[in-house]
Amino acid sequence: MIMAINFQKKEIFEKTKSTPKEEIEELSTRIERVQKKLKKEGDFQEREKIIKEEIKSYLEEFQKLPSFAAPKKVRDEAKEIAKFPKEQQVGALIALVFEKGLKEAISVAQALPNPAILDEFHDTLVDRFYQILLEKKIIKPT
């Protein structure tokens, strides 16, 4: 019975995985919708703030995915990252996003013993995604 439950949890985790490229594409689509709405409404003063709020909303959706015991590899990754100084933990999580995907990086961050790291990771990631979208010219600089 326990094996069946663990298998189901692993299956749910696998279904929610996506590649970093797919995540950027999804985020790009959402940002393009926001920009069209901003253009229609002519509200450019708060543009960066509104776009970052959309990025934050996207990240929060990943955090709201079903929470259960993370697979062993996620727990192992969290143990390794927890050994780093706190300043380097966020950087390691950011690198993990672009290597293994957002869902896995968030799962690792949630498995860390310090919840403040998850908050800092979240804030840093919003800024990083914003910069990536600028670089890809999805967001036009003001």
Protein backbone atom coordinates (compact mmCIF):
# COMPACT_ATOMS: atom_id res chain seq x y z
CA MET A 1 0.00 0.00 0.00
CA ILE A 2 2.77 2.46 0.93
CA MET A 3 4.63 1.66 -2.31
CA ALA A 4 1.47 2.40 -4.31
CA ILE A 5 1.03 5.76 -2.56
CA ASN A 6 4.69 6.69 -3.09
CA PHE A 7 4.42 5.69 -6.74
CA GLN A 8 1.32 7.92 -7.15
CA LYS A 9 3.13 10.84 -5.52
CA LYS A 10 6.12 10.36 -7.80
CA GLU A 11 3.76 10.17 -10.80
CA ILE A 12 2.09 13.48 -9.81
CA PHE A 13 5.53 15.09 -9.37
CA GLU A 14 6.65 13.85 -12.80
CA LYS A 15 3.46 15.10 -14.50
CA THR A 16 4.02 18.61 -13.18
CA LYS A 17 7.63 18.77 -14.43
CA SER A 18 8.45 20.99 -17.35
CA THR A 19 11.66 22.05 -19.01
CA PRO A 20 13.23 25.47 -18.39
CA LYS A 21 12.53 26.31 -22.06
CA GLU A 22 8.82 25.45 -21.70
CA GLU A 23 8.62 27.53 -18.52
CA ILE A 24 10.15 30.57 -20.24
CA GLU A 25 7.76 30.12 -23.19
CA GLU A 26 4.73 29.93 -20.87
CA LEU A 27 5.91 32.95 -18.94
CA SER A 28 6.55 34.82 -22.21
CA THR A 29 3.00 34.14 -23.36
CA ARG A 30 1.60 35.44 -20.08
CA ILE A 31 3.78 38.57 -20.18
CA GLU A 32 2.77 39.30 -23.78
CA ARG A 33 -0.90 39.23 -22.65
CA VAL A 34 -0.11 41.63 -19.82
CA GLN A 35 1.75 43.97 -22.18
CA LYS A 36 -1.17 44.02 -24.64
CA LYS A 37 -3.50 44.90 -21.79
CA LEU A 38 -1.13 47.64 -20.61
CA LYS A 39 -0.86 49.02 -24.13
CA LYS A 40 -4.65 49.08 -24.46
CA GLU A 41 -5.05 50.83 -21.11
CA GLY A 42 -2.07 53.12 -21.66
CA ASP A 43 -0.71 52.45 -18.13
CA PHE A 44 3.07 52.49 -18.60
CA GLN A 45 4.10 54.12 -15.33
CA GLU A 46 3.65 50.95 -13.30
CA ARG A 47 4.72 48.67 -16.17
CA GLU A 48 7.75 46.98 -14.57
CA LYS A 49 5.88 46.48 -11.30
CA ILE A 50 2.87 44.94 -13.08
CA ILE A 51 5.04 42.62 -15.17
CA LYS A 52 6.98 41.51 -12.09
CA GLU A 53 3.67 40.84 -10.33
CA GLU A 54 2.69 38.55 -13.22
CA ILE A 55 6.02 36.72 -12.93
CA LYS A 56 5.48 36.40 -9.18
CA SER A 57 1.99 35.03 -9.79
CA TYR A 58 3.42 32.45 -12.19
CA LEU A 59 5.97 31.33 -9.58
CA GLU A 60 3.31 31.13 -6.88
CA GLU A 61 1.28 28.78 -9.06
CA PHE A 62 4.21 26.37 -9.02
CA GLN A 63 4.43 26.64 -5.25
CA LYS A 64 0.74 25.76 -4.94
CA LEU A 65 1.10 22.46 -6.78
CA PRO A 66 0.33 19.47 -4.55
CA SER A 67 2.75 19.24 -1.68
CA PHE A 68 3.95 15.83 -0.60
CA ALA A 69 7.19 14.15 0.37
CA ALA A 70 9.71 15.07 -2.28
CA PRO A 71 11.45 12.29 -4.21
CA LYS A 72 14.78 11.15 -2.78
CA LYS A 73 16.80 13.03 -5.40
CA VAL A 74 15.10 16.30 -4.40
CA ARG A 75 15.83 15.64 -0.72
CA ASP A 76 19.45 14.81 -1.59
CA GLU A 77 19.78 18.01 -3.63
CA ALA A 78 18.33 20.01 -0.72
CA LYS A 79 20.85 18.44 1.67
CA GLU A 80 23.71 19.42 -0.64
CA ILE A 81 22.46 22.99 -1.07
CA ALA A 82 21.87 23.32 2.69
CA LYS A 83 25.63 22.78 3.19
CA PHE A 84 26.39 26.00 1.27
CA PRO A 85 26.60 29.36 3.03
CA LYS A 86 23.17 31.04 3.00
CA GLU A 87 24.31 33.60 0.41
CA GLN A 88 25.17 30.81 -2.04
CA GLN A 89 22.01 28.74 -1.48
CA VAL A 90 19.82 31.12 -3.48
CA GLY A 91 22.35 31.17 -6.33
CA ALA A 92 22.41 27.37 -6.37
CA LEU A 93 18.60 27.28 -6.52
CA ILE A 94 18.56 29.80 -9.39
CA ALA A 95 21.06 27.65 -11.30
CA LEU A 96 18.86 24.62 -10.63
CA VAL A 97 15.86 26.38 -12.22
CA PHE A 98 17.71 26.72 -15.51
CA GLU A 99 19.19 23.24 -15.30
CA LYS A 100 16.26 21.09 -14.12
CA GLY A 101 13.20 23.34 -14.18
CA LEU A 102 11.14 25.50 -11.89
CA LYS A 103 9.09 22.75 -10.23
CA GLU A 104 12.20 20.83 -9.19
CA ALA A 105 13.98 23.96 -7.92
CA ILE A 106 10.92 24.98 -5.89
CA SER A 107 10.65 21.46 -4.47
CA VAL A 108 14.30 21.62 -3.41
CA ALA A 109 13.81 25.10 -1.91
CA GLN A 110 10.78 23.87 0.03
CA ALA A 111 12.83 20.94 1.36
CA LEU A 112 15.51 23.26 2.78
CA PRO A 113 15.38 23.76 6.55
CA ASN A 114 15.35 27.58 6.28
CA PRO A 115 12.04 29.03 4.93
CA ALA A 116 13.68 32.45 4.51
CA ILE A 117 15.76 30.96 1.68
CA LEU A 118 12.54 30.12 -0.20
CA ASP A 119 11.37 33.74 0.12
CA GLU A 120 14.70 35.16 -1.03
CA PHE A 121 14.84 32.61 -3.87
CA HIS A 122 11.36 33.67 -4.97
CA ASP A 123 12.23 37.39 -4.98
CA THR A 124 15.53 36.84 -6.78
CA LEU A 125 13.90 34.61 -9.36
CA VAL A 126 11.28 37.26 -10.21
CA ASP A 127 14.11 39.70 -11.01
CA ARG A 128 16.06 37.04 -12.94
CA PHE A 129 13.06 36.06 -15.08
CA TYR A 130 12.38 39.75 -15.75
CA GLN A 131 15.97 40.18 -17.00
CA ILE A 132 15.70 37.08 -19.21
CA LEU A 133 12.50 38.40 -20.79
CA LEU A 134 14.23 41.74 -21.41
CA GLU A 135 17.19 39.97 -23.01
CA LYS A 136 14.88 37.94 -25.25
CA LYS A 137 13.15 41.22 -26.16
CA ILE A 138 9.80 39.88 -24.95
CA ILE A 139 9.72 42.91 -22.67
CA LYS A 140 10.77 46.15 -24.30
CA PRO A 141 12.92 48.37 -22.04
CA THR A 142 11.20 51.57 -20.96
